[in-house]
Amino acid sequence: MNISKPHFQKVANRRWLKSSLLLQILRKYSVFVALVLFCTVISLMTPNFLTISNLLNVAQQISENFILALAALLVIITGGIDLSAGSVVGLAGIVTALYLLHGGNIFIAILVGIATGAVCGAVNGLLVAKTRLSPFIATLGMMGIAKGLALVITSGNSIAISNTSYQFIGSGNVLGIPTPVSIIMVLFIIVHFILKKTWMGRYLYAIGGGEETSRLSGIRVDRVQWVVYTAAGALAGLTAILLTSKLFTALPTAAEGYELNAIAAAVIGGASLMGGVGGVWGTLYGALLIGIISNGLNLMDVSSFWKQVVIGAIIIIAVLIDRFRNRAK
């Protein structure tokens, strides 16, 4: 019996469509599947993993990384990168601690920390938007400036924080939920709303998809870029508040390398380093994946040195995944 070419073509098309749909589903939910898989494996190896107390501990541990990952997400969507986040966290933490050391008000201290980060982000934004400097170079320079200033101010020493009200931010509870977890829940809702429901979100994706096209369509690209980098800096400042209030101390290098974990979380979650792609849900999954792996290694008493090796491997995998996505398109 002969099979006609049209019939063969229809069968081939159906098979291609099924495989294409399967690939789309895998791409969309791959991080969530990986998250469930890792949770299952770790829970089998360490029975204490799935306890309520440990899961809340994981959520609390990822709070700083998730906030920085949100900052990284906003910048990456526009086609940029921010390598200064960790150093800005260190500087903002030092400035906040110094203000508290001199008897400053806790609420003003929070504003001081966020404002310090926002100023650093605003400088990044000006360099990228107005001088057309590469985001990589601009933020790399800010990384050195922020880290250097923090070390100069403190001479490399730490600053203890004894304000108990301030410590509540990082170690307190609101209705049984750790304060940092409550904060990231609020931020999740705000950033998700901005990206999905506002003109600013549409502009971010448009600029990431094509900066020149966006400019020709009437979008003030330079202004949007400046706002994004300033917002990313403010989020770094907020991260400094959480970190210093959790540790009861401010260290110039406390958040060293945090920017890489944040970028990895955003990229693992679906953000493209080419710009124009990414979302809050994926970023949350990425941050959780990194946090769960780290927590699992801790429960298994794996050396912290090996943990750094694993995180480094995750960053490489994240970049490879991003490259695969771009080639697939």
C-alpha atoms as a PDB file:
ATOM      1  CA  MET A   1       0.000   0.000   0.000  1.00  0.00           C
ATOM      2  CA  ASN A   2       1.453   3.343  -1.046  1.00  0.00           C
ATOM      3  CA  ILE A   3       1.424   6.289   1.344  1.00  0.00           C
ATOM      4  CA  SER A   4       0.883   9.577  -0.409  1.00  0.00           C
ATOM      5  CA  LYS A   5       3.201  12.496   0.164  1.00  0.00           C
ATOM      6  CA  PRO A   6       0.465  14.737   1.619  1.00  0.00           C
ATOM      7  CA  HIS A   7      -0.428  12.014   4.167  1.00  0.00           C
ATOM      8  CA  PHE A   8       3.225  11.545   5.099  1.00  0.00           C
ATOM      9  CA  GLN A   9       3.622  15.321   5.448  1.00  0.00           C
ATOM     10  CA  LYS A  10       0.572  15.529   7.754  1.00  0.00           C
ATOM     11  CA  VAL A  11       1.967  12.792  10.016  1.00  0.00           C
ATOM     12  CA  ALA A  12       5.360  14.503  10.089  1.00  0.00           C
ATOM     13  CA  ASN A  13       3.731  17.846  10.899  1.00  0.00           C
ATOM     14  CA  ARG A  14       1.739  16.307  13.761  1.00  0.00           C
ATOM     15  CA  ARG A  15       4.880  14.709  15.193  1.00  0.00           C
ATOM     16  CA  TRP A  16       6.787  17.980  14.878  1.00  0.00           C
ATOM     17  CA  LEU A  17       3.927  19.851  16.563  1.00  0.00           C
ATOM     18  CA  LYS A  18       3.830  17.382  19.463  1.00  0.00           C
ATOM     19  CA  SER A  19       7.599  17.545  19.956  1.00  0.00           C
ATOM     20  CA  SER A  20       7.484  21.336  19.672  1.00  0.00           C
ATOM     21  CA  LEU A  21       4.732  21.556  22.311  1.00  0.00           C
ATOM     22  CA  LEU A  22       6.679  19.187  24.562  1.00  0.00           C
ATOM     23  CA  LEU A  23       9.778  21.355  24.226  1.00  0.00           C
ATOM     24  CA  GLN A  24       7.746  24.475  25.028  1.00  0.00           C
ATOM     25  CA  ILE A  25       6.308  22.822  28.153  1.00  0.00           C
ATOM     26  CA  LEU A  26       9.756  21.649  29.250  1.00  0.00           C
ATOM     27  CA  ARG A  27      11.214  25.123  28.716  1.00  0.00           C
ATOM     28  CA  LYS A  28       8.375  26.765  30.607  1.00  0.00           C
ATOM     29  CA  TYR A  29       8.310  24.427  33.597  1.00  0.00           C
ATOM     30  CA  SER A  30      11.836  22.983  33.594  1.00  0.00           C
ATOM     31  CA  VAL A  31      12.949  24.992  36.641  1.00  0.00           C
ATOM     32  CA  PHE A  32       9.841  23.993  38.595  1.00  0.00           C
ATOM     33  CA  VAL A  33      10.395  20.325  37.676  1.00  0.00           C
ATOM     34  CA  ALA A  34      14.052  20.600  38.727  1.00  0.00           C
ATOM     35  CA  LEU A  35      12.937  22.229  41.979  1.00  0.00           C
ATOM     36  CA  VAL A  36      10.543  19.367  42.780  1.00  0.00           C
ATOM     37  CA  LEU A  37      13.191  16.808  41.803  1.00  0.00           C
ATOM     38  CA  PHE A  38      15.843  18.337  44.065  1.00  0.00           C
ATOM     39  CA  CYS A  39      13.353  18.606  46.945  1.00  0.00           C
ATOM     40  CA  THR A  40      12.489  14.921  46.549  1.00  0.00           C
ATOM     41  CA  VAL A  41      16.119  13.779  46.431  1.00  0.00           C
ATOM     42  CA  ILE A  42      17.222  15.943  49.371  1.00  0.00           C
ATOM     43  CA  SER A  43      14.198  14.924  51.487  1.00  0.00           C
ATOM     44  CA  LEU A  44      15.069  11.253  50.930  1.00  0.00           C
ATOM     45  CA  MET A  45      18.671  11.875  51.990  1.00  0.00           C
ATOM     46  CA  THR A  46      17.864  14.192  54.914  1.00  0.00           C
ATOM     47  CA  PRO A  47      14.513  13.556  56.684  1.00  0.00           C
ATOM     48  CA  ASN A  48      14.641  16.970  58.401  1.00  0.00           C
ATOM     49  CA  PHE A  49      14.461  18.814  55.092  1.00  0.00           C
ATOM     50  CA  LEU A  50      10.667  18.901  54.683  1.00  0.00           C
ATOM     51  CA  THR A  51       9.923  20.109  58.212  1.00  0.00           C
ATOM     52  CA  ILE A  52       8.052  23.416  58.536  1.00  0.00           C
ATOM     53  CA  SER A  53      10.895  24.989  60.509  1.00  0.00           C
ATOM     54  CA  ASN A  54      13.483  24.092  57.857  1.00  0.00           C
ATOM     55  CA  LEU A  55      11.308  25.257  54.951  1.00  0.00           C
ATOM     56  CA  LEU A  56      10.804  28.606  56.707  1.00  0.00           C
ATOM     57  CA  ASN A  57      14.558  28.655  57.251  1.00  0.00           C
ATOM     58  CA  VAL A  58      15.126  28.132  53.514  1.00  0.00           C
ATOM     59  CA  ALA A  59      12.684  30.942  52.691  1.00  0.00           C
ATOM     60  CA  GLN A  60      14.510  33.209  55.127  1.00  0.00           C
ATOM     61  CA  GLN A  61      17.913  32.226  53.738  1.00  0.00           C
ATOM     62  CA  ILE A  62      16.966  33.070  50.153  1.00  0.00           C
ATOM     63  CA  SER A  63      15.463  36.470  51.036  1.00  0.00           C
ATOM     64  CA  GLU A  64      18.610  38.486  50.232  1.00  0.00           C
ATOM     65  CA  ASN A  65      19.344  36.518  47.070  1.00  0.00           C
ATOM     66  CA  PHE A  66      15.739  36.820  45.859  1.00  0.00           C
ATOM     67  CA  ILE A  67      15.656  40.600  46.336  1.00  0.00           C
ATOM     68  CA  LEU A  68      18.935  40.967  44.436  1.00  0.00           C
ATOM     69  CA  ALA A  69      17.623  38.516  41.820  1.00  0.00           C
ATOM     70  CA  LEU A  70      14.596  40.784  41.296  1.00  0.00           C
ATOM     71  CA  ALA A  71      17.006  43.693  40.804  1.00  0.00           C
ATOM     72  CA  ALA A  72      19.056  41.608  38.369  1.00  0.00           C
ATOM     73  CA  LEU A  73      15.868  40.577  36.547  1.00  0.00           C
ATOM     74  CA  LEU A  74      14.784  44.176  35.916  1.00  0.00           C
ATOM     75  CA  VAL A  75      18.206  45.079  34.535  1.00  0.00           C
ATOM     76  CA  ILE A  76      18.572  41.893  32.472  1.00  0.00           C
ATOM     77  CA  ILE A  77      15.140  42.352  30.854  1.00  0.00           C
ATOM     78  CA  THR A  78      16.381  45.672  29.418  1.00  0.00           C
ATOM     79  CA  GLY A  79      19.436  43.907  28.000  1.00  0.00           C
ATOM     80  CA  GLY A  80      21.812  45.107  30.731  1.00  0.00           C
ATOM     81  CA  ILE A  81      23.780  43.561  33.574  1.00  0.00           C
ATOM     82  CA  ASP A  82      24.637  44.734  37.091  1.00  0.00           C
ATOM     83  CA  LEU A  83      27.884  43.452  38.592  1.00  0.00           C
ATOM     84  CA  SER A  84      27.968  46.014  41.395  1.00  0.00           C
ATOM     85  CA  ALA A  85      25.065  44.685  43.494  1.00  0.00           C
ATOM     86  CA  GLY A  86      27.128  42.811  46.097  1.00  0.00           C
ATOM     87  CA  SER A  87      29.512  45.716  46.694  1.00  0.00           C
ATOM     88  CA  VAL A  88      26.622  48.199  46.864  1.00  0.00           C
ATOM     89  CA  VAL A  89      25.006  45.997  49.536  1.00  0.00           C
ATOM     90  CA  GLY A  90      28.247  46.166  51.522  1.00  0.00           C
ATOM     91  CA  LEU A  91      28.508  49.965  51.240  1.00  0.00           C
ATOM     92  CA  ALA A  92      24.823  50.554  52.057  1.00  0.00           C
ATOM     93  CA  GLY A  93      25.148  48.298  55.092  1.00  0.00           C
ATOM     94  CA  ILE A  94      28.182  50.220  56.372  1.00  0.00           C
ATOM     95  CA  VAL A  95      26.501  53.621  55.912  1.00  0.00           C
ATOM     96  CA  THR A  96      23.358  52.384  57.688  1.00  0.00           C
ATOM     97  CA  ALA A  97      25.350  50.898  60.577  1.00  0.00           C
ATOM     98  CA  LEU A  98      27.317  54.137  61.031  1.00  0.00           C
ATOM     99  CA  TYR A  99      24.079  56.114  61.175  1.00  0.00           C
ATOM    100  CA  LEU A 100      22.680  53.759  63.833  1.00  0.00           C
ATOM    101  CA  LEU A 101      25.979  53.862  65.736  1.00  0.00           C
ATOM    102  CA  HIS A 102      25.502  57.609  66.189  1.00  0.00           C
ATOM    103  CA  GLY A 103      22.000  57.149  67.639  1.00  0.00           C
ATOM    104  CA  GLY A 104      20.018  57.451  64.427  1.00  0.00           C
ATOM    105  CA  ASN A 105      16.309  56.691  64.146  1.00  0.00           C
ATOM    106  CA  ILE A 106      15.544  53.186  62.847  1.00  0.00           C
ATOM    107  CA  PHE A 107      13.093  54.339  60.155  1.00  0.00           C
ATOM    108  CA  ILE A 108      15.493  56.966  58.860  1.00  0.00           C
ATOM    109  CA  ALA A 109      18.255  54.331  58.987  1.00  0.00           C
ATOM    110  CA  ILE A 110      16.217  52.146  56.631  1.00  0.00           C
ATOM    111  CA  LEU A 111      15.761  55.098  54.260  1.00  0.00           C
ATOM    112  CA  VAL A 112      19.497  55.865  54.480  1.00  0.00           C
ATOM    113  CA  GLY A 113      20.378  52.309  53.455  1.00  0.00           C
ATOM    114  CA  ILE A 114      17.934  52.243  50.553  1.00  0.00           C
ATOM    115  CA  ALA A 115      18.969  55.754  49.444  1.00  0.00           C
ATOM    116  CA  THR A 116      22.664  54.775  49.467  1.00  0.00           C
ATOM    117  CA  GLY A 117      21.902  51.878  47.151  1.00  0.00           C
ATOM    118  CA  ALA A 118      19.666  54.053  44.967  1.00  0.00           C
ATOM    119  CA  VAL A 119      22.425  56.663  44.529  1.00  0.00           C
ATOM    120  CA  CYS A 120      24.873  53.973  43.385  1.00  0.00           C
ATOM    121  CA  GLY A 121      22.235  52.610  41.007  1.00  0.00           C
ATOM    122  CA  ALA A 122      21.479  56.099  39.693  1.00  0.00           C
ATOM    123  CA  VAL A 123      25.167  56.579  38.849  1.00  0.00           C
ATOM    124  CA  ASN A 124      25.138  53.246  37.012  1.00  0.00           C
ATOM    125  CA  GLY A 125      22.022  54.377  35.150  1.00  0.00           C
ATOM    126  CA  LEU A 126      23.578  57.683  34.115  1.00  0.00           C
ATOM    127  CA  LEU A 127      26.713  55.950  32.845  1.00  0.00           C
ATOM    128  CA  VAL A 128      24.702  53.422  30.833  1.00  0.00           C
ATOM    129  CA  ALA A 129      21.898  55.689  29.575  1.00  0.00           C
ATOM    130  CA  LYS A 130      23.683  58.997  28.988  1.00  0.00           C
ATOM    131  CA  THR A 131      27.302  58.128  28.195  1.00  0.00           C
ATOM    132  CA  ARG A 132      26.406  54.865  26.378  1.00  0.00           C
ATOM    133  CA  LEU A 133      28.975  53.044  28.474  1.00  0.00           C
ATOM    134  CA  SER A 134      28.642  49.265  28.421  1.00  0.00           C
ATOM    135  CA  PRO A 135      26.599  48.030  31.431  1.00  0.00           C
ATOM    136  CA  PHE A 136      29.353  45.504  32.108  1.00  0.00           C
ATOM    137  CA  ILE A 137      32.037  48.206  32.343  1.00  0.00           C
ATOM    138  CA  ALA A 138      29.867  50.753  34.182  1.00  0.00           C
ATOM    139  CA  THR A 139      28.742  48.346  36.898  1.00  0.00           C
ATOM    140  CA  LEU A 140      32.177  46.730  37.148  1.00  0.00           C
ATOM    141  CA  GLY A 141      33.574  50.190  37.890  1.00  0.00           C
ATOM    142  CA  MET A 142      30.846  50.801  40.484  1.00  0.00           C
ATOM    143  CA  MET A 143      31.701  47.456  42.059  1.00  0.00           C
ATOM    144  CA  GLY A 144      35.241  48.679  42.689  1.00  0.00           C
ATOM    145  CA  ILE A 145      34.126  52.126  43.884  1.00  0.00           C
ATOM    146  CA  ALA A 146      31.502  50.820  46.334  1.00  0.00           C
ATOM    147  CA  LYS A 147      33.771  48.110  47.714  1.00  0.00           C
ATOM    148  CA  GLY A 148      36.679  50.538  48.040  1.00  0.00           C
ATOM    149  CA  LEU A 149      34.575  53.168  49.835  1.00  0.00           C
ATOM    150  CA  ALA A 150      33.241  50.578  52.294  1.00  0.00           C
ATOM    151  CA  LEU A 151      36.785  49.432  53.092  1.00  0.00           C
ATOM    152  CA  VAL A 152      38.108  53.000  53.403  1.00  0.00           C
ATOM    153  CA  ILE A 153      35.294  54.051  55.756  1.00  0.00           C
ATOM    154  CA  THR A 154      35.771  51.068  58.069  1.00  0.00           C
ATOM    155  CA  SER A 155      39.483  50.347  57.511  1.00  0.00           C
ATOM    156  CA  GLY A 156      38.346  46.818  56.723  1.00  0.00           C
ATOM    157  CA  ASN A 157      36.666  46.324  60.112  1.00  0.00           C
ATOM    158  CA  SER A 158      33.094  45.357  60.953  1.00  0.00           C
ATOM    159  CA  ILE A 159      30.549  47.573  62.734  1.00  0.00           C
ATOM    160  CA  ALA A 160      28.383  45.969  65.425  1.00  0.00           C
ATOM    161  CA  ILE A 161      24.673  46.846  65.526  1.00  0.00           C
ATOM    162  CA  SER A 162      23.017  46.724  68.955  1.00  0.00           C
ATOM    163  CA  ASN A 163      19.654  48.340  68.115  1.00  0.00           C
ATOM    164  CA  THR A 164      17.121  45.591  68.970  1.00  0.00           C
ATOM    165  CA  SER A 165      14.321  47.235  66.974  1.00  0.00           C
ATOM    166  CA  TYR A 166      16.539  47.196  63.890  1.00  0.00           C
ATOM    167  CA  GLN A 167      17.474  43.552  64.505  1.00  0.00           C
ATOM    168  CA  PHE A 168      13.770  42.663  64.328  1.00  0.00           C
ATOM    169  CA  ILE A 169      13.827  43.337  60.572  1.00  0.00           C
ATOM    170  CA  GLY A 170      16.160  40.424  59.919  1.00  0.00           C
ATOM    171  CA  SER A 171      15.279  38.051  62.747  1.00  0.00           C
ATOM    172  CA  GLY A 172      11.720  38.903  63.846  1.00  0.00           C
ATOM    173  CA  ASN A 173       8.353  37.393  62.931  1.00  0.00           C
ATOM    174  CA  VAL A 174       5.067  38.817  61.660  1.00  0.00           C
ATOM    175  CA  LEU A 175       2.106  36.518  62.434  1.00  0.00           C
ATOM    176  CA  GLY A 176       4.500  33.583  62.675  1.00  0.00           C
ATOM    177  CA  ILE A 177       6.165  34.392  59.348  1.00  0.00           C
ATOM    178  CA  PRO A 178       9.808  35.579  59.393  1.00  0.00           C
ATOM    179  CA  THR A 179       9.996  39.302  58.598  1.00  0.00           C
ATOM    180  CA  PRO A 180      12.333  38.804  55.581  1.00  0.00           C
ATOM    181  CA  VAL A 181       9.819  36.342  54.088  1.00  0.00           C
ATOM    182  CA  SER A 182       7.003  38.878  54.530  1.00  0.00           C
ATOM    183  CA  ILE A 183       9.145  41.506  52.787  1.00  0.00           C
ATOM    184  CA  ILE A 184       9.950  39.325  49.769  1.00  0.00           C
ATOM    185  CA  MET A 185       6.267  38.368  49.427  1.00  0.00           C
ATOM    186  CA  VAL A 186       5.349  42.052  49.164  1.00  0.00           C
ATOM    187  CA  LEU A 187       8.173  42.707  46.692  1.00  0.00           C
ATOM    188  CA  PHE A 188       7.107  39.705  44.609  1.00  0.00           C
ATOM    189  CA  ILE A 189       3.603  41.159  44.209  1.00  0.00           C
ATOM    190  CA  ILE A 190       4.858  44.681  43.430  1.00  0.00           C
ATOM    191  CA  VAL A 191       7.444  43.678  40.800  1.00  0.00           C
ATOM    192  CA  HIS A 192       5.100  41.127  39.210  1.00  0.00           C
ATOM    193  CA  PHE A 193       2.398  43.798  38.916  1.00  0.00           C
ATOM    194  CA  ILE A 194       4.834  46.322  37.408  1.00  0.00           C
ATOM    195  CA  LEU A 195       6.085  43.869  34.787  1.00  0.00           C
ATOM    196  CA  LYS A 196       2.685  42.492  33.797  1.00  0.00           C
ATOM    197  CA  LYS A 197       0.217  45.339  34.279  1.00  0.00           C
ATOM    198  CA  THR A 198       1.973  48.680  33.762  1.00  0.00           C
ATOM    199  CA  TRP A 199       3.447  50.696  30.903  1.00  0.00           C
ATOM    200  CA  MET A 200       6.841  50.527  32.625  1.00  0.00           C
ATOM    201  CA  GLY A 201       6.831  46.745  32.362  1.00  0.00           C
ATOM    202  CA  ARG A 202       5.950  46.927  28.655  1.00  0.00           C
ATOM    203  CA  TYR A 203       8.743  49.427  28.103  1.00  0.00           C
ATOM    204  CA  LEU A 204      11.297  47.181  29.835  1.00  0.00           C
ATOM    205  CA  TYR A 205      10.499  44.222  27.586  1.00  0.00           C
ATOM    206  CA  ALA A 206      10.386  46.457  24.509  1.00  0.00           C
ATOM    207  CA  ILE A 207      13.831  47.935  25.227  1.00  0.00           C
ATOM    208  CA  GLY A 208      15.274  44.476  25.830  1.00  0.00           C
ATOM    209  CA  GLY A 209      13.770  43.275  22.558  1.00  0.00           C
ATOM    210  CA  GLY A 210      15.251  46.155  20.574  1.00  0.00           C
ATOM    211  CA  GLU A 211      16.664  49.357  22.014  1.00  0.00           C
ATOM    212  CA  GLU A 212      16.776  51.305  18.764  1.00  0.00           C
ATOM    213  CA  THR A 213      13.304  50.161  17.720  1.00  0.00           C
ATOM    214  CA  SER A 214      11.969  51.251  21.112  1.00  0.00           C
ATOM    215  CA  ARG A 215      13.599  54.651  20.718  1.00  0.00           C
ATOM    216  CA  LEU A 216      12.053  55.099  17.263  1.00  0.00           C
ATOM    217  CA  SER A 217       8.626  54.158  18.642  1.00  0.00           C
ATOM    218  CA  GLY A 218       8.790  57.052  21.101  1.00  0.00           C
ATOM    219  CA  ILE A 219      10.003  55.339  24.276  1.00  0.00           C
ATOM    220  CA  ARG A 220      12.428  57.422  26.346  1.00  0.00           C
ATOM    221  CA  VAL A 221      14.963  54.609  26.532  1.00  0.00           C
ATOM    222  CA  ASP A 222      17.547  56.584  28.500  1.00  0.00           C
ATOM    223  CA  ARG A 223      15.007  57.596  31.150  1.00  0.00           C
ATOM    224  CA  VAL A 224      13.686  54.038  31.546  1.00  0.00           C
ATOM    225  CA  GLN A 225      17.219  52.645  31.837  1.00  0.00           C
ATOM    226  CA  TRP A 226      18.071  55.215  34.501  1.00  0.00           C
ATOM    227  CA  VAL A 227      14.938  54.313  36.497  1.00  0.00           C
ATOM    228  CA  VAL A 228      15.709  50.588  36.237  1.00  0.00           C
ATOM    229  CA  TYR A 229      19.303  50.885  37.467  1.00  0.00           C
ATOM    230  CA  THR A 230      18.207  53.246  40.253  1.00  0.00           C
ATOM    231  CA  ALA A 231      15.519  50.758  41.327  1.00  0.00           C
ATOM    232  CA  ALA A 232      18.078  47.935  41.223  1.00  0.00           C
ATOM    233  CA  GLY A 233      20.351  49.992  43.483  1.00  0.00           C
ATOM    234  CA  ALA A 234      17.473  50.679  45.889  1.00  0.00           C
ATOM    235  CA  LEU A 235      16.776  46.937  46.082  1.00  0.00           C
ATOM    236  CA  ALA A 236      20.464  46.376  46.862  1.00  0.00           C
ATOM    237  CA  GLY A 237      20.093  48.926  49.667  1.00  0.00           C
ATOM    238  CA  LEU A 238      17.069  47.040  51.011  1.00  0.00           C
ATOM    239  CA  THR A 239      19.100  43.830  50.870  1.00  0.00           C
ATOM    240  CA  ALA A 240      21.739  45.549  53.004  1.00  0.00           C
ATOM    241  CA  ILE A 241      19.061  46.352  55.605  1.00  0.00           C
ATOM    242  CA  LEU A 242      17.977  42.705  55.775  1.00  0.00           C
ATOM    243  CA  LEU A 243      21.519  41.357  55.865  1.00  0.00           C
ATOM    244  CA  THR A 244      22.872  43.694  58.549  1.00  0.00           C
ATOM    245  CA  SER A 245      19.777  43.307  60.733  1.00  0.00           C
ATOM    246  CA  LYS A 246      20.106  39.525  60.467  1.00  0.00           C
ATOM    247  CA  LEU A 247      23.847  39.418  61.254  1.00  0.00           C
ATOM    248  CA  PHE A 248      23.688  42.235  63.875  1.00  0.00           C
ATOM    249  CA  THR A 249      26.769  43.637  62.178  1.00  0.00           C
ATOM    250  CA  ALA A 250      27.895  45.356  58.981  1.00  0.00           C
ATOM    251  CA  LEU A 251      30.846  44.037  56.994  1.00  0.00           C
ATOM    252  CA  PRO A 252      32.358  45.741  53.925  1.00  0.00           C
ATOM    253  CA  THR A 253      32.547  42.389  52.118  1.00  0.00           C
ATOM    254  CA  ALA A 254      29.435  40.754  53.611  1.00  0.00           C
ATOM    255  CA  ALA A 255      27.702  40.390  50.233  1.00  0.00           C
ATOM    256  CA  GLU A 256      30.742  39.674  48.092  1.00  0.00           C
ATOM    257  CA  GLY A 257      29.714  37.477  45.160  1.00  0.00           C
ATOM    258  CA  TYR A 258      25.989  37.888  45.826  1.00  0.00           C
ATOM    259  CA  GLU A 259      25.504  39.518  42.423  1.00  0.00           C
ATOM    260  CA  LEU A 260      26.519  36.289  40.666  1.00  0.00           C
ATOM    261  CA  ASN A 261      24.018  34.218  42.647  1.00  0.00           C
ATOM    262  CA  ALA A 262      21.332  36.797  41.823  1.00  0.00           C
ATOM    263  CA  ILE A 263      22.114  36.763  38.101  1.00  0.00           C
ATOM    264  CA  ALA A 264      22.159  32.945  38.163  1.00  0.00           C
ATOM    265  CA  ALA A 265      18.728  32.838  39.854  1.00  0.00           C
ATOM    266  CA  ALA A 266      17.237  35.188  37.248  1.00  0.00           C
ATOM    267  CA  VAL A 267      18.764  33.332  34.280  1.00  0.00           C
ATOM    268  CA  ILE A 268      17.883  29.874  35.624  1.00  0.00           C
ATOM    269  CA  GLY A 269      14.349  31.209  36.031  1.00  0.00           C
ATOM    270  CA  GLY A 270      14.069  32.077  32.348  1.00  0.00           C
ATOM    271  CA  ALA A 271      15.551  35.569  31.972  1.00  0.00           C
ATOM    272  CA  SER A 272      17.703  35.924  28.864  1.00  0.00           C
ATOM    273  CA  LEU A 273      21.045  37.715  28.995  1.00  0.00           C
ATOM    274  CA  MET A 274      20.140  39.003  25.523  1.00  0.00           C
ATOM    275  CA  GLY A 275      17.238  40.944  27.062  1.00  0.00           C
ATOM    276  CA  GLY A 276      13.486  41.093  26.534  1.00  0.00           C
ATOM    277  CA  VAL A 277      12.640  37.893  28.429  1.00  0.00           C
ATOM    278  CA  GLY A 278      12.073  37.022  32.082  1.00  0.00           C
ATOM    279  CA  GLY A 279       9.525  36.946  34.869  1.00  0.00           C
ATOM    280  CA  VAL A 280       9.123  37.036  38.632  1.00  0.00           C
ATOM    281  CA  TRP A 281       7.836  33.473  39.023  1.00  0.00           C
ATOM    282  CA  GLY A 282      10.839  32.030  37.230  1.00  0.00           C
ATOM    283  CA  THR A 283      13.194  34.188  39.282  1.00  0.00           C
ATOM    284  CA  LEU A 284      11.572  32.894  42.473  1.00  0.00           C
ATOM    285  CA  TYR A 285      12.026  29.302  41.286  1.00  0.00           C
ATOM    286  CA  GLY A 286      15.661  30.035  40.441  1.00  0.00           C
ATOM    287  CA  ALA A 287      16.349  31.563  43.859  1.00  0.00           C
ATOM    288  CA  LEU A 288      14.580  28.657  45.576  1.00  0.00           C
ATOM    289  CA  LEU A 289      16.571  26.127  43.561  1.00  0.00           C
ATOM    290  CA  ILE A 290      19.881  27.683  44.601  1.00  0.00           C
ATOM    291  CA  GLY A 291      18.681  28.049  48.207  1.00  0.00           C
ATOM    292  CA  ILE A 292      17.434  24.462  48.440  1.00  0.00           C
ATOM    293  CA  ILE A 293      20.669  23.062  47.030  1.00  0.00           C
ATOM    294  CA  SER A 294      22.654  25.161  49.513  1.00  0.00           C
ATOM    295  CA  ASN A 295      20.398  24.124  52.408  1.00  0.00           C
ATOM    296  CA  GLY A 296      20.578  20.462  51.409  1.00  0.00           C
ATOM    297  CA  LEU A 297      24.368  20.577  51.339  1.00  0.00           C
ATOM    298  CA  ASN A 298      24.342  22.135  54.814  1.00  0.00           C
ATOM    299  CA  LEU A 299      22.054  19.401  56.163  1.00  0.00           C
ATOM    300  CA  MET A 300      24.386  16.779  54.690  1.00  0.00           C
ATOM    301  CA  ASP A 301      27.373  18.454  56.403  1.00  0.00           C
ATOM    302  CA  VAL A 302      29.086  19.168  53.098  1.00  0.00           C
ATOM    303  CA  SER A 303      32.040  21.557  53.392  1.00  0.00           C
ATOM    304  CA  SER A 304      31.291  25.216  52.640  1.00  0.00           C
ATOM    305  CA  PHE A 305      34.179  25.124  50.149  1.00  0.00           C
ATOM    306  CA  TRP A 306      32.369  22.466  48.115  1.00  0.00           C
ATOM    307  CA  LYS A 307      29.225  24.566  48.335  1.00  0.00           C
ATOM    308  CA  GLN A 308      31.069  27.341  46.487  1.00  0.00           C
ATOM    309  CA  VAL A 309      32.062  24.826  43.813  1.00  0.00           C
ATOM    310  CA  VAL A 310      28.421  23.781  43.375  1.00  0.00           C
ATOM    311  CA  ILE A 311      27.194  27.397  43.170  1.00  0.00           C
ATOM    312  CA  GLY A 312      29.894  28.130  40.579  1.00  0.00           C
ATOM    313  CA  ALA A 313      28.747  25.141  38.532  1.00  0.00           C
ATOM    314  CA  ILE A 314      25.135  26.368  38.775  1.00  0.00           C
ATOM    315  CA  ILE A 315      26.181  29.762  37.366  1.00  0.00           C
ATOM    316  CA  ILE A 316      27.906  28.085  34.399  1.00  0.00           C
ATOM    317  CA  ILE A 317      24.861  25.870  33.809  1.00  0.00           C
ATOM    318  CA  ALA A 318      22.596  28.936  33.946  1.00  0.00           C
ATOM    319  CA  VAL A 319      24.589  30.675  31.201  1.00  0.00           C
ATOM    320  CA  LEU A 320      24.626  27.498  29.082  1.00  0.00           C
ATOM    321  CA  ILE A 321      20.842  27.187  29.478  1.00  0.00           C
ATOM    322  CA  ASP A 322      20.457  30.793  28.338  1.00  0.00           C
ATOM    323  CA  ARG A 323      22.619  30.126  25.277  1.00  0.00           C
ATOM    324  CA  PHE A 324      20.588  27.011  24.462  1.00  0.00           C
ATOM    325  CA  ARG A 325      17.345  29.000  24.694  1.00  0.00           C
ATOM    326  CA  ASN A 326      18.662  31.680  22.332  1.00  0.00           C
ATOM    327  CA  ARG A 327      19.833  29.095  19.794  1.00  0.00           C
ATOM    328  CA  ALA A 328      16.480  27.309  19.977  1.00  0.00           C
ATOM    329  CA  LYS A 329      14.739  30.556  19.019  1.00  0.00           C
END
